[in-house]
Amino acid sequence: MKTSLSPIHVVGGGLAGSEAAWQAAEAGVPVILHEMRGVRGTEAHKTDSLAELVCSNSFRSDDATSNAVGVIHAEMRLAGSLIMACADKHQVPAGGALAVDRDGFAEAVSQSIEAHPLITVVREEITGLPPKDWGLTVIATGPLTSPDLADAIRGETGEDALAFFDAIAPIVHRDSINMDVCWYQSRYDKVGPGGTGKDYINCPLDESQYNAFIDALIAGDAVGFKEWEGTPYFDGCLPIEVMAERGRETLRHGPMKPMGLTNAHNPTVKAYAVVQLRQDNALGTLYNMVGFQTKLRYGAQAEIFRMIPGLENAEFARLGGLHRNTYINSPVLLDPSLQLKSRPGLRFAGQITGCEGYVESASIGLLAGRFAAADSKGEVVSLPPETTAMGSLLRHITGGHIVSDEEPGKRSFQPMNINFGLFPELSPGSIVKPEGIKRFRGKDKTIMKRQLMSERALADCKAWLTSGLA
């Protein structure tokens, strides 16, 4: 297939890089895909196949009617995703989830990429930033970016641009927090930059509740670090269960200190300890548990954190973690089309941008490939609507954040899986109580809300893809 267009270079042959290369090539633009495995391995990969899955073989829920992960699956299929096509072809039984035969899946992606007439795979390690004479380039090197390339990225973007260990506190859907128990207040009613004095949601614990919580933390099932990760504990980033083990009062004098707070529901009774949640996104739909990074297993986290008054019915957009995850400060560094602001034409994609999960990484690769192809052909770059799963995730990565009132200039950016908390709210009046139902709230209302968000997302995605601009 002949073309007069200059090639787009893609660095990294994982899920995001493979998808970016495929999308650009399918748009008629030649691609050179650079993959270091085959020349240099990583601590986690076992083969030289493109798109090798290094952890689970599950792409999670495939329900596109009321699950955000299923919605992004459906959107990617609509957009001609190679990753989804190969996953569907090599699916293995997993109930409502999409799980794959990992070897068959990786082989299928590799064969498709290598057989494409517009894609050339080059096995080499890129040790610095791609040279400017390469032109349009996508870096999709993932959480295991080589140290030399990571240093080059940091040199271009600044010392604080890269995080090598990701300390993540659990994030809760705002509408699942019991505000009959919790209240809004900043410590000592401090307003701060852009604040109101009521910028945190506070969950009070009495002495017996606190002690039961500490006991559960110490007994909780924790996940150890992988051999190649090391043990990256440092001040300000200790898992809460490690703090609890260091002394029963440690948390009460740390992230759970009750000072400067008055329970709006019971002002005369001083809480023994308080868990604070801070707004995590500009939409105000997600709140993170301040100081609650943890290595507890997910099941244990959900069970233990629901012991906290006000969080007994909490729904988690993501649970906590502390692990190796190289990613850039995307809201500061990237424009809305994933280009590095300091160097137009150089895009980033996948987990290095600050998204979590196989399909999330691949979806950002899909967008980066399409955006780069549009640039190559002199076309207008069309962003997906924010009402879509891909659009909401893109917005999260490139700017859907608030500025911390504790650290002016720092953003509350943390890697995230796709979830409905990233979607814009439905228009007023969208949720209508079905006829014949007396009580319509709680779980039933949440299910309808998710169904309506899913329908809106898929309709808007189809419109975007058929507009001639996508």
Protein backbone atom coordinates (compact mmCIF):
# COMPACT_ATOMS: atom_id res chain seq x y z
CA MET A 1 0.00 0.00 0.00
CA LYS A 2 1.68 3.21 -1.15
CA THR A 3 1.31 6.56 0.53
CA SER A 4 3.12 9.88 0.37
CA LEU A 5 2.58 10.57 4.07
CA SER A 6 5.51 10.53 6.48
CA PRO A 7 5.36 7.71 9.04
CA ILE A 8 4.06 8.14 12.54
CA HIS A 9 6.45 6.65 15.08
CA VAL A 10 4.99 4.72 18.02
CA VAL A 11 7.30 3.84 20.92
CA GLY A 12 6.09 0.82 22.87
CA GLY A 13 4.29 -2.28 21.67
CA GLY A 14 1.96 -2.91 24.58
CA LEU A 15 -1.80 -2.56 24.47
CA ALA A 16 -1.79 1.21 23.97
CA GLY A 17 1.07 1.28 21.46
CA SER A 18 -0.36 -1.58 19.40
CA GLU A 19 -3.78 0.08 19.30
CA ALA A 20 -2.29 3.48 18.41
CA ALA A 21 -0.30 1.92 15.55
CA TRP A 22 -3.36 0.05 14.28
CA GLN A 23 -5.64 3.08 14.33
CA ALA A 24 -3.15 5.29 12.50
CA ALA A 25 -2.45 2.63 9.88
CA GLU A 26 -6.15 1.94 9.38
CA ALA A 27 -6.53 5.66 8.71
CA GLY A 28 -4.03 5.31 5.85
CA VAL A 29 -0.91 6.64 7.57
CA PRO A 30 2.31 4.55 7.66
CA VAL A 31 3.58 3.63 11.13
CA ILE A 32 6.94 2.55 12.55
CA LEU A 33 6.36 0.71 15.84
CA HIS A 34 9.43 0.58 18.10
CA GLU A 35 9.43 -2.21 20.74
CA MET A 36 12.42 -2.91 22.97
CA ARG A 37 11.43 -6.46 23.97
CA GLY A 38 13.41 -8.75 21.75
CA VAL A 39 16.45 -6.58 22.46
CA ARG A 40 15.90 -5.83 26.13
CA GLY A 41 13.36 -7.48 28.41
CA THR A 42 11.55 -6.16 31.48
CA GLU A 43 11.20 -7.58 34.98
CA ALA A 44 7.54 -8.44 34.37
CA HIS A 45 7.21 -9.57 30.74
CA LYS A 46 7.81 -13.22 29.83
CA THR A 47 7.66 -13.09 26.00
CA ASP A 48 8.48 -10.80 23.11
CA SER A 49 4.86 -10.72 21.87
CA LEU A 50 3.16 -7.39 21.38
CA ALA A 51 0.34 -6.60 23.83
CA GLU A 52 1.48 -9.25 26.33
CA LEU A 53 -0.74 -9.25 29.42
CA VAL A 54 1.54 -9.17 32.46
CA CYS A 55 -1.10 -9.46 35.17
CA SER A 56 -4.69 -10.68 34.94
CA ASN A 57 -6.18 -12.12 31.76
CA SER A 58 -9.47 -10.29 32.40
CA PHE A 59 -10.69 -7.16 30.63
CA ARG A 60 -13.38 -6.96 33.36
CA SER A 61 -17.11 -6.47 32.80
CA ASP A 62 -18.47 -6.66 29.27
CA ASP A 63 -21.90 -5.27 30.25
CA ALA A 64 -22.45 -2.17 28.12
CA THR A 65 -25.90 -1.46 29.58
CA SER A 66 -24.90 -0.34 33.07
CA ASN A 67 -21.15 -0.81 33.59
CA ALA A 68 -18.60 1.82 32.61
CA VAL A 69 -16.01 -0.79 31.63
CA GLY A 70 -18.52 -2.51 29.38
CA VAL A 71 -19.36 0.85 27.82
CA ILE A 72 -15.72 1.54 26.92
CA HIS A 73 -15.52 -1.98 25.44
CA ALA A 74 -18.51 -1.17 23.23
CA GLU A 75 -17.13 2.22 22.19
CA MET A 76 -13.80 0.69 21.22
CA ARG A 77 -15.54 -1.95 19.15
CA LEU A 78 -17.45 0.82 17.36
CA ALA A 79 -14.11 2.51 16.63
CA GLY A 80 -12.58 -0.64 15.08
CA SER A 81 -10.30 -1.51 17.99
CA LEU A 82 -7.69 -4.20 17.27
CA ILE A 83 -7.36 -4.97 20.97
CA MET A 84 -11.08 -5.63 21.34
CA ALA A 85 -11.26 -7.66 18.13
CA CYS A 86 -8.44 -9.94 19.30
CA ALA A 87 -9.92 -10.17 22.80
CA ASP A 88 -13.29 -11.21 21.39
CA LYS A 89 -11.63 -13.80 19.15
CA HIS A 90 -9.71 -15.36 22.06
CA GLN A 91 -12.34 -15.08 24.78
CA VAL A 92 -12.47 -17.70 27.54
CA PRO A 93 -15.41 -18.34 29.90
CA ALA A 94 -15.60 -15.73 32.66
CA GLY A 95 -19.27 -15.11 33.41
CA GLY A 96 -20.18 -11.50 32.61
CA ALA A 97 -16.53 -10.51 32.22
CA LEU A 98 -14.39 -10.55 29.09
CA ALA A 99 -11.37 -12.74 29.79
CA VAL A 100 -8.91 -13.99 27.20
CA ASP A 101 -6.44 -16.73 26.48
CA ARG A 102 -3.41 -14.53 27.10
CA ASP A 103 -1.04 -16.30 24.70
CA GLY A 104 -3.60 -16.53 21.90
CA PHE A 105 -4.56 -12.90 22.41
CA ALA A 106 -0.97 -11.58 22.28
CA GLU A 107 -0.15 -13.73 19.27
CA ALA A 108 -3.23 -12.43 17.44
CA VAL A 109 -2.29 -8.81 18.11
CA SER A 110 1.31 -9.45 17.04
CA GLN A 111 0.27 -11.19 13.82
CA SER A 112 -2.22 -8.45 12.91
CA ILE A 113 0.31 -5.69 13.49
CA GLU A 114 3.12 -7.45 11.63
CA ALA A 115 0.85 -8.31 8.68
CA HIS A 116 -0.47 -4.77 8.22
CA PRO A 117 1.02 -3.29 5.03
CA LEU A 118 1.45 0.16 6.60
CA ILE A 119 3.10 -0.96 9.85
CA THR A 120 6.80 -1.71 10.30
CA VAL A 121 7.90 -3.21 13.61
CA VAL A 122 11.43 -2.34 14.71
CA ARG A 123 12.90 -4.17 17.70
CA GLU A 124 15.09 -1.62 19.46
CA GLU A 125 15.29 0.27 22.72
CA ILE A 126 14.62 4.00 22.52
CA THR A 127 16.85 5.44 25.24
CA GLY A 128 16.03 9.12 24.83
CA LEU A 129 13.22 11.31 23.65
CA PRO A 130 12.47 10.60 19.98
CA PRO A 131 14.37 12.98 17.69
CA LYS A 132 12.33 15.88 16.38
CA ASP A 133 12.98 14.86 12.77
CA TRP A 134 10.78 11.82 13.39
CA GLY A 135 7.83 14.15 13.23
CA LEU A 136 4.58 12.85 14.70
CA THR A 137 5.30 10.41 17.51
CA VAL A 138 3.36 8.56 20.21
CA ILE A 139 5.12 7.38 23.39
CA ALA A 140 3.23 4.43 24.87
CA THR A 141 5.84 2.77 27.06
CA GLY A 142 3.61 1.99 30.02
CA PRO A 143 4.42 1.60 33.72
CA LEU A 144 7.66 -0.25 32.93
CA THR A 145 9.23 2.54 30.89
CA SER A 146 12.99 1.99 30.66
CA PRO A 147 15.06 4.10 33.08
CA ASP A 148 16.92 5.92 30.29
CA LEU A 149 13.72 6.96 28.52
CA ALA A 150 12.14 7.94 31.82
CA ASP A 151 15.12 10.18 32.55
CA ALA A 152 14.78 11.76 29.10
CA ILE A 153 11.07 12.43 29.66
CA ARG A 154 11.82 13.96 33.02
CA GLY A 155 14.51 16.14 31.48
CA GLU A 156 12.02 17.48 28.93
CA THR A 157 9.10 17.95 31.31
CA GLY A 158 10.63 18.77 34.70
CA GLU A 159 11.74 16.97 37.83
CA ASP A 160 8.22 16.60 39.24
CA ALA A 161 6.71 15.30 36.02
CA LEU A 162 7.11 11.58 36.66
CA ALA A 163 5.86 9.39 39.49
CA PHE A 164 7.63 6.07 39.88
CA PHE A 165 5.61 4.67 42.76
CA ASP A 166 1.94 5.30 42.89
CA ALA A 167 0.40 5.81 46.33
CA ILE A 168 -3.32 5.76 45.80
CA ALA A 169 -6.05 6.30 48.36
CA PRO A 170 -9.49 4.75 47.78
CA ILE A 171 -11.94 6.92 45.88
CA VAL A 172 -15.64 6.87 46.76
CA HIS A 173 -18.70 7.83 44.72
CA ARG A 174 -20.15 10.93 46.43
CA ASP A 175 -23.74 9.76 46.16
CA SER A 176 -22.97 6.60 48.17
CA ILE A 177 -21.80 8.53 51.27
CA ASN A 178 -24.32 8.77 54.13
CA MET A 179 -24.58 12.49 54.83
CA ASP A 180 -26.94 11.83 57.76
CA VAL A 181 -23.76 10.72 59.54
CA CYS A 182 -21.07 12.76 57.75
CA TRP A 183 -20.76 16.51 57.34
CA TYR A 184 -18.86 19.08 55.27
CA GLN A 185 -16.08 21.01 56.97
CA SER A 186 -12.45 21.92 56.45
CA ARG A 187 -10.20 21.53 59.47
CA TYR A 188 -10.50 24.70 61.61
CA ASP A 189 -12.89 25.96 58.89
CA LYS A 190 -9.86 26.93 56.83
CA VAL A 191 -10.92 28.41 53.50
CA GLY A 192 -7.69 28.10 51.53
CA PRO A 193 -7.23 28.94 47.82
CA GLY A 194 -10.53 28.32 46.04
CA GLY A 195 -12.03 26.80 49.19
CA THR A 196 -15.17 27.51 51.18
CA GLY A 197 -14.26 26.18 54.63
CA LYS A 198 -16.44 23.14 53.87
CA ASP A 199 -14.21 21.34 51.42
CA TYR A 200 -14.02 17.92 53.10
CA ILE A 201 -16.56 15.27 53.99
CA ASN A 202 -15.93 14.09 57.56
CA CYS A 203 -16.75 10.64 58.99
CA PRO A 204 -16.68 10.49 62.83
CA LEU A 205 -15.63 7.47 64.89
CA ASP A 206 -16.04 7.00 68.64
CA GLU A 207 -13.40 5.15 70.68
CA SER A 208 -14.89 1.69 70.27
CA GLN A 209 -15.40 2.17 66.52
CA TYR A 210 -11.83 3.41 66.15
CA ASN A 211 -10.37 0.44 68.03
CA ALA A 212 -12.44 -2.03 66.01
CA PHE A 213 -11.20 -0.33 62.83
CA ILE A 214 -7.55 -0.55 63.94
CA ASP A 215 -7.98 -4.23 64.83
CA ALA A 216 -9.42 -4.91 61.38
CA LEU A 217 -6.58 -3.05 59.66
CA ILE A 218 -3.91 -5.02 61.51
CA ALA A 219 -5.67 -8.31 60.77
CA GLY A 220 -6.37 -7.37 57.15
CA ASP A 221 -5.07 -9.34 54.19
CA ALA A 222 -2.27 -7.33 52.56
CA VAL A 223 -0.62 -7.73 49.17
CA GLY A 224 3.17 -7.87 49.11
CA PHE A 225 5.32 -6.05 46.61
CA LYS A 226 6.48 -7.87 43.52
CA GLU A 227 10.18 -8.69 43.54
CA TRP A 228 10.94 -6.09 40.85
CA GLU A 229 9.05 -3.33 42.65
CA GLY A 230 11.05 -3.28 45.84
CA THR A 231 9.41 -1.80 48.96
CA PRO A 232 8.96 1.92 48.29
CA TYR A 233 7.78 3.09 51.72
CA PHE A 234 8.73 6.66 52.49
CA ASP A 235 7.52 9.39 54.82
CA GLY A 236 4.06 10.62 53.93
CA CYS A 237 3.33 7.47 51.96
CA LEU A 238 3.05 4.70 54.53
CA PRO A 239 0.15 2.29 54.03
CA ILE A 240 -2.43 2.81 56.75
CA GLU A 241 -2.10 -0.78 57.94
CA VAL A 242 1.64 -0.22 58.47
CA MET A 243 0.87 2.93 60.46
CA ALA A 244 -1.67 0.97 62.54
CA GLU A 245 0.93 -1.69 63.31
CA ARG A 246 3.34 0.99 64.58
CA GLY A 247 0.99 1.92 67.41
CA ARG A 248 -2.73 2.01 68.15
CA GLU A 249 -2.80 5.80 68.35
CA THR A 250 -0.70 6.45 65.24
CA LEU A 251 -3.61 6.97 62.85
CA ARG A 252 -5.51 9.08 65.38
CA HIS A 253 -2.57 11.48 65.42
CA GLY A 254 -2.09 11.22 61.66
CA PRO A 255 -4.66 11.11 58.85
CA MET A 256 -7.53 10.36 61.30
CA LYS A 257 -6.86 13.17 63.78
CA PRO A 258 -10.11 14.80 65.01
CA MET A 259 -8.71 18.24 65.81
CA GLY A 260 -10.33 21.33 64.32
CA LEU A 261 -13.59 19.54 63.43
CA THR A 262 -17.08 19.80 64.92
CA ASN A 263 -19.76 17.25 64.10
CA ALA A 264 -22.60 19.22 62.53
CA HIS A 265 -25.08 16.51 63.56
CA ASN A 266 -23.91 16.38 67.19
CA PRO A 267 -21.85 19.48 68.02
CA THR A 268 -21.47 18.75 71.73
CA VAL A 269 -19.79 15.36 71.26
CA LYS A 270 -16.17 15.32 70.15
CA ALA A 271 -15.26 12.54 67.73
CA TYR A 272 -12.45 10.25 68.90
CA ALA A 273 -11.14 10.04 65.32
CA VAL A 274 -12.25 11.36 61.93
CA VAL A 275 -11.77 10.09 58.40
CA GLN A 276 -11.73 12.92 55.86
CA LEU A 277 -12.64 12.67 52.19
CA ARG A 278 -11.55 15.33 49.72
CA GLN A 279 -13.16 16.18 46.38
CA ASP A 280 -11.21 14.37 43.67
CA ASN A 281 -12.66 15.65 40.40
CA ALA A 282 -14.04 18.89 39.05
CA LEU A 283 -17.51 17.38 38.71
CA GLY A 284 -17.68 16.75 42.45
CA THR A 285 -18.83 13.16 41.93
CA LEU A 286 -15.76 11.49 43.43
CA TYR A 287 -14.08 11.89 46.83
CA ASN A 288 -10.79 10.35 47.95
CA MET A 289 -10.04 9.10 51.46
CA VAL A 290 -7.27 11.39 52.64
CA GLY A 291 -4.08 9.58 53.67
CA PHE A 292 -5.54 6.11 53.10
CA GLN A 293 -3.00 4.56 50.73
CA THR A 294 -2.90 0.84 51.41
CA LYS A 295 -1.60 -2.54 50.32
CA LEU A 296 -4.68 -4.38 51.62
CA ARG A 297 -6.32 -6.75 49.15
CA TYR A 298 -9.34 -5.27 47.44
CA GLY A 299 -11.88 -7.49 49.20
CA ALA A 300 -10.44 -6.62 52.59
CA GLN A 301 -10.39 -2.92 51.75
CA ALA A 302 -14.08 -2.77 50.87
CA GLU A 303 -15.05 -4.71 54.00
CA ILE A 304 -12.87 -2.73 56.39
CA PHE A 305 -13.56 0.74 54.99
CA ARG A 306 -17.31 0.14 55.19
CA MET A 307 -16.82 -0.13 58.96
CA ILE A 308 -16.31 3.66 58.93
CA PRO A 309 -19.52 5.48 59.92
CA GLY A 310 -21.06 7.10 56.86
CA LEU A 311 -19.31 4.70 54.48
CA GLU A 312 -21.35 1.62 55.34
CA ASN A 313 -22.81 1.59 51.82
CA ALA A 314 -19.83 3.16 50.06
CA GLU A 315 -19.31 2.41 46.39
CA PHE A 316 -15.67 2.68 45.37
CA ALA A 317 -14.62 4.16 42.04
CA ARG A 318 -11.25 2.63 42.80
CA LEU A 319 -9.60 1.01 45.78
CA GLY A 320 -6.25 1.93 47.25
CA GLY A 321 -2.81 0.78 46.25
CA LEU A 322 0.89 1.40 46.39
CA HIS A 323 2.86 0.03 43.47
CA ARG A 324 5.31 0.74 40.68
CA ASN A 325 3.60 2.88 38.07
CA THR A 326 5.56 5.33 35.96
CA TYR A 327 3.22 8.07 34.79
CA ILE A 328 3.45 11.73 33.88
CA ASN A 329 1.62 14.72 35.34
CA SER A 330 -0.70 14.75 32.34
CA PRO A 331 -3.11 17.56 33.33
CA VAL A 332 -0.16 19.94 33.47
CA LEU A 333 1.93 18.57 30.61
CA LEU A 334 -0.53 17.46 27.92
CA ASP A 335 -3.04 19.33 25.79
CA PRO A 336 -6.57 17.93 25.24
CA SER A 337 -5.35 15.83 22.29
CA LEU A 338 -2.56 14.19 24.36
CA GLN A 339 0.23 16.31 22.85
CA LEU A 340 3.10 17.44 25.04
CA LYS A 341 2.54 21.18 25.39
CA SER A 342 6.25 21.88 25.21
CA ARG A 343 6.63 19.85 22.03
CA PRO A 344 3.64 19.68 19.67
CA GLY A 345 3.53 16.50 17.61
CA LEU A 346 4.80 14.33 20.48
CA ARG A 347 1.91 12.49 22.12
CA PHE A 348 1.67 10.13 25.06
CA ALA A 349 -0.72 7.19 25.39
CA GLY A 350 -1.60 4.36 27.75
CA GLN A 351 -0.71 3.96 31.41
CA ILE A 352 2.11 6.49 31.25
CA THR A 353 -0.60 9.17 30.87
CA GLY A 354 -2.22 8.19 34.17
CA CYS A 355 -4.95 5.73 33.31
CA GLU A 356 -5.30 2.29 34.88
CA GLY A 357 -6.35 -0.98 33.30
CA TYR A 358 -5.97 -2.84 30.04
CA VAL A 359 -8.91 -1.37 28.15
CA GLU A 360 -8.37 2.12 29.52
CA SER A 361 -4.76 2.06 28.29
CA ALA A 362 -5.78 0.68 24.91
CA SER A 363 -8.56 3.27 24.54
CA ILE A 364 -6.12 6.14 25.09
CA GLY A 365 -3.82 4.49 22.52
CA LEU A 366 -6.80 4.36 20.17
CA LEU A 367 -7.39 8.09 20.58
CA ALA A 368 -3.69 9.00 20.29
CA GLY A 369 -3.42 7.01 17.05
CA ARG A 370 -6.49 8.70 15.60
CA PHE A 371 -5.34 12.16 16.66
CA ALA A 372 -1.87 11.64 15.18
CA ALA A 373 -3.36 10.34 11.92
CA ALA A 374 -5.60 13.39 11.66
CA ASP A 375 -2.58 15.66 12.15
CA SER A 376 -0.66 13.73 9.52
CA LYS A 377 -3.42 14.17 6.96
CA GLY A 378 -4.00 17.83 7.78
CA GLU A 379 -7.43 17.14 9.23
CA VAL A 380 -9.09 18.69 12.26
CA VAL A 381 -8.50 16.66 15.42
CA SER A 382 -11.94 15.83 16.81
CA LEU A 383 -12.14 14.98 20.51
CA PRO A 384 -14.73 12.42 21.65
CA PRO A 385 -17.65 13.93 23.58
CA GLU A 386 -17.11 14.05 27.34
CA THR A 387 -20.35 12.11 27.73
CA THR A 388 -18.66 9.03 26.24
CA ALA A 389 -16.46 6.65 28.22
CA MET A 390 -13.42 7.47 26.08
CA GLY A 391 -14.14 11.19 26.26
CA SER A 392 -14.60 11.20 30.03
CA LEU A 393 -11.37 9.26 30.52
CA LEU A 394 -9.52 11.66 28.19
CA ARG A 395 -10.90 14.58 30.17
CA HIS A 396 -9.74 12.97 33.42
CA ILE A 397 -6.23 12.62 32.04
CA THR A 398 -5.90 16.06 30.51
CA GLY A 399 -7.69 18.32 32.95
CA GLY A 400 -10.76 17.19 34.88
CA HIS A 401 -9.16 17.97 38.22
CA ILE A 402 -9.24 20.41 41.04
CA VAL A 403 -6.32 22.29 42.55
CA SER A 404 -5.42 21.19 46.06
CA ASP A 405 -6.07 23.79 48.74
CA GLU A 406 -3.20 22.35 50.77
CA GLU A 407 -0.59 22.52 48.02
CA PRO A 408 -1.33 25.41 45.65
CA GLY A 409 -0.23 24.54 42.16
CA LYS A 410 -0.42 20.78 42.81
CA ARG A 411 -3.26 18.91 41.19
CA SER A 412 -5.21 15.99 42.61
CA PHE A 413 -4.21 13.80 39.70
CA GLN A 414 -4.13 10.05 40.30
CA PRO A 415 -4.34 7.18 37.84
CA MET A 416 -7.90 5.98 37.39
CA ASN A 417 -9.93 3.17 35.89
CA ILE A 418 -12.99 4.14 33.87
CA ASN A 419 -16.04 4.62 36.11
CA PHE A 420 -19.31 6.52 36.03
CA GLY A 421 -17.90 9.12 38.43
CA LEU A 422 -15.89 10.49 35.49
CA PHE A 423 -19.00 11.01 33.34
CA PRO A 424 -20.87 14.34 33.37
CA GLU A 425 -24.14 14.24 35.27
CA LEU A 426 -27.36 13.58 33.40
CA SER A 427 -29.50 16.55 32.51
CA PRO A 428 -32.13 17.46 35.17
CA GLY A 429 -35.26 15.38 34.92
CA SER A 430 -33.60 12.49 33.09
CA ILE A 431 -34.27 10.04 35.90
CA VAL A 432 -38.01 9.43 36.05
CA LYS A 433 -39.64 7.08 38.55
CA PRO A 434 -41.25 4.15 36.73
CA GLU A 435 -45.01 3.89 36.96
CA GLY A 436 -46.38 1.65 39.66
CA ILE A 437 -43.33 1.94 41.93
CA LYS A 438 -43.89 3.73 45.24
CA ARG A 439 -40.31 3.90 46.51
CA PHE A 440 -37.66 4.76 43.95
CA ARG A 441 -34.26 5.57 45.43
CA GLY A 442 -30.99 4.01 46.47
CA LYS A 443 -29.85 1.07 44.39
CA ASP A 444 -32.79 1.16 41.95
CA LYS A 445 -32.18 4.82 41.18
CA THR A 446 -28.44 4.22 40.78
CA ILE A 447 -29.08 1.39 38.30
CA MET A 448 -31.33 3.61 36.18
CA LYS A 449 -28.78 6.42 36.30
CA ARG A 450 -26.06 4.11 35.02
CA GLN A 451 -28.28 2.71 32.31
CA LEU A 452 -29.10 6.21 31.08
CA MET A 453 -25.43 7.24 31.17
CA SER A 454 -24.55 4.11 29.17
CA GLU A 455 -27.22 4.80 26.54
CA ARG A 456 -26.10 8.42 26.23
CA ALA A 457 -22.44 7.42 25.93
CA LEU A 458 -22.99 4.91 23.13
CA ALA A 459 -25.33 7.21 21.21
CA ASP A 460 -22.87 10.10 21.45
CA CYS A 461 -19.95 7.85 20.50
CA LYS A 462 -21.77 6.64 17.37
CA ALA A 463 -22.55 10.23 16.42
CA TRP A 464 -18.92 11.24 16.92
CA LEU A 465 -17.57 8.34 14.87
CA THR A 466 -20.02 8.96 11.99
CA SER A 467 -19.56 12.73 11.94
CA GLY A 468 -16.68 12.46 9.50
CA LEU A 469 -14.35 14.15 11.95
CA ALA A 470 -13.42 11.28 14.29
